[in-house]
Protein backbone atom coordinates (compact mmCIF):
# COMPACT_ATOMS: atom_id res chain seq x y z
CA MET A 1 -17.14 15.99 -6.84
CA SER A 2 -14.77 18.88 -6.51
CA ALA A 3 -12.12 19.28 -3.81
CA ALA A 4 -14.19 22.06 -2.13
CA THR A 5 -17.17 19.79 -1.43
CA VAL A 6 -15.24 16.88 0.18
CA SER A 7 -12.48 17.57 2.66
CA ARG A 8 -11.32 13.92 3.13
CA TYR A 9 -10.97 11.08 0.65
CA TYR A 10 -10.99 7.47 1.82
CA ALA A 11 -9.75 4.27 0.25
CA THR A 12 -8.77 0.77 1.35
CA GLY A 13 -5.58 -0.86 0.09
CA LYS A 14 -4.58 -4.49 0.40
CA ARG A 15 -1.37 -6.48 -0.19
CA LYS A 16 -0.49 -9.96 1.18
CA ASN A 17 -2.06 -10.10 4.63
CA SER A 18 -2.05 -6.34 5.18
CA ILE A 19 -5.01 -4.07 5.07
CA ALA A 20 -4.55 -0.26 4.98
CA ARG A 21 -7.26 2.32 5.55
CA VAL A 22 -6.11 5.57 3.93
CA TRP A 23 -7.49 9.07 4.35
CA LEU A 24 -6.29 11.84 2.04
CA MET A 25 -6.69 15.53 3.06
CA SER A 26 -5.31 18.59 1.30
CA GLY A 27 -2.19 19.72 3.13
CA SER A 28 1.62 19.84 3.01
CA GLY A 29 2.59 16.17 2.30
CA LYS A 30 2.74 14.80 5.81
CA ILE A 31 2.23 11.05 5.99
CA THR A 32 1.12 9.47 9.30
CA VAL A 33 0.94 5.69 9.72
CA ASN A 34 -0.74 4.30 12.86
CA ASP A 35 -0.33 7.69 14.62
CA ARG A 36 3.42 7.80 13.90
CA PRO A 37 5.34 9.68 11.16
CA VAL A 38 6.16 7.49 8.15
CA ASP A 39 9.94 7.94 8.75
CA GLN A 40 9.54 6.54 12.26
CA TYR A 41 7.20 3.68 11.31
CA PHE A 42 9.17 2.38 8.34
CA GLY A 43 12.95 2.10 8.80
CA ARG A 44 13.89 1.14 5.26
CA ASP A 45 14.10 3.85 2.59
CA VAL A 46 12.70 1.50 -0.06
CA LEU A 47 9.39 1.21 1.79
CA LYS A 48 9.12 5.01 2.14
CA MET A 49 9.77 5.27 -1.63
CA ILE A 50 7.03 2.74 -2.34
CA ILE A 51 4.57 4.71 -0.31
CA ARG A 52 5.38 8.02 -2.08
CA GLN A 53 5.25 6.45 -5.60
CA PRO A 54 1.61 7.37 -6.40
CA PHE A 55 2.31 11.07 -5.57
CA GLU A 56 5.37 11.17 -7.83
CA ILE A 57 3.48 9.61 -10.77
CA THR A 58 0.52 12.08 -10.46
CA SER A 59 2.80 15.07 -9.65
CA THR A 60 1.02 15.72 -6.33
CA VAL A 61 4.00 15.32 -4.06
CA ASP A 62 3.32 17.98 -1.38
CA LYS A 63 -0.40 18.62 -1.99
CA PHE A 64 -2.00 16.05 0.36
CA ASP A 65 -1.65 14.95 3.97
CA VAL A 66 -2.10 11.20 4.45
CA MET A 67 -3.44 9.43 7.51
CA VAL A 68 -3.11 5.64 7.45
CA SER A 69 -4.33 2.87 9.71
CA VAL A 70 -2.68 -0.43 8.73
CA VAL A 71 -2.95 -3.89 10.26
CA GLY A 72 -1.62 -7.30 9.47
CA GLY A 73 1.35 -8.67 7.57
CA GLY A 74 4.91 -7.50 7.60
CA SER A 75 6.49 -4.14 6.76
CA SER A 76 6.78 -4.84 2.99
CA GLY A 77 3.14 -5.90 2.76
CA GLN A 78 1.97 -2.95 4.75
CA ALA A 79 3.90 -0.53 2.48
CA GLY A 80 2.36 -2.14 -0.59
CA ALA A 81 -1.17 -1.88 1.02
CA ILE A 82 -0.63 1.76 1.76
CA ARG A 83 0.54 2.46 -1.76
CA HIS A 84 -2.56 0.67 -3.11
CA GLY A 85 -4.86 2.69 -0.83
CA ILE A 86 -3.19 6.01 -1.71
CA SER A 87 -3.57 5.23 -5.40
CA LYS A 88 -7.23 4.50 -5.04
CA ALA A 89 -7.79 7.64 -2.98
CA LEU A 90 -6.05 9.80 -5.62
CA VAL A 91 -8.38 8.46 -8.27
CA SER A 92 -11.31 9.62 -6.16
CA VAL A 93 -9.68 13.08 -5.88
CA GLU A 94 -9.04 13.48 -9.61
CA ALA A 95 -10.23 10.96 -12.14
CA GLU A 96 -7.67 12.02 -14.76
CA SER A 97 -4.87 10.40 -12.77
CA ARG A 98 -6.53 6.96 -13.20
CA GLY A 99 -4.77 6.37 -16.56
CA LYS A 100 -1.31 7.09 -15.17
CA LEU A 101 -1.76 4.99 -12.08
CA ARG A 102 -3.31 2.10 -14.07
CA LYS A 103 -0.39 2.17 -16.51
CA GLU A 104 2.09 1.80 -13.62
CA GLY A 105 -0.02 -1.02 -12.10
CA LEU A 106 -0.77 0.74 -8.82
CA LEU A 107 -4.56 0.33 -8.95
CA THR A 108 -4.33 -3.46 -9.32
CA ARG A 109 -4.29 -5.41 -6.02
CA ASP A 110 -1.29 -7.75 -6.04
CA PRO A 111 -2.92 -11.20 -5.76
CA ARG A 112 0.14 -13.09 -4.62
CA GLU A 113 -0.34 -14.79 -1.24
CA LYS A 114 1.75 -17.21 0.80
CA GLU A 115 1.20 -20.80 -0.24
CA ARG A 116 -0.05 -23.15 2.43
CA LYS A 117 2.09 -25.84 4.00
CA LYS A 118 1.11 -29.32 2.82
CA TYR A 119 0.54 -32.16 5.28
CA GLY A 120 3.31 -34.73 5.71
CA GLN A 121 5.80 -32.27 4.20
CA LYS A 122 8.25 -29.68 5.47
CA GLY A 123 6.70 -26.65 3.84
CA ALA A 124 4.69 -25.38 0.91
CA ARG A 125 7.15 -26.67 -1.64
CA ALA A 126 10.00 -27.94 0.57
CA ARG A 127 10.18 -31.69 1.22
CA PHE A 128 11.97 -33.74 3.79
CA GLN A 129 15.24 -35.15 2.42
CA PHE A 130 14.81 -38.46 0.60
CA SER A 131 17.05 -41.31 1.62
CA LYS A 132 17.18 -44.42 -0.55
CA ARG A 133 18.89 -46.56 2.15
């Protein structure tokens, strides 16, 4: 598929408990998250850097507009989910970028999840303090 036949590219990204639905359109590099600009949605610069990472690797920094709908999790997980979705959408735009993104590990869904709390204990790994007497 060439860029002329399809005007929008869609991909789903996931990280921790966050799910991001990402649409890529040719444009000027504007990123919108849940109907808000990315600078307004994410306060920390590190999270904005994480989101822009796939574009820097594939040298497509100001070529696409991104529209994202993200739910669940915290800000770090949401940023990771958006990065995953953008990476998958970029592969559907141009298949040659797959090797670069795969090498950086951006196409792999990060499998780490929060460990469950165990019964009779304080947390997942934390225990109540032991007292001998």
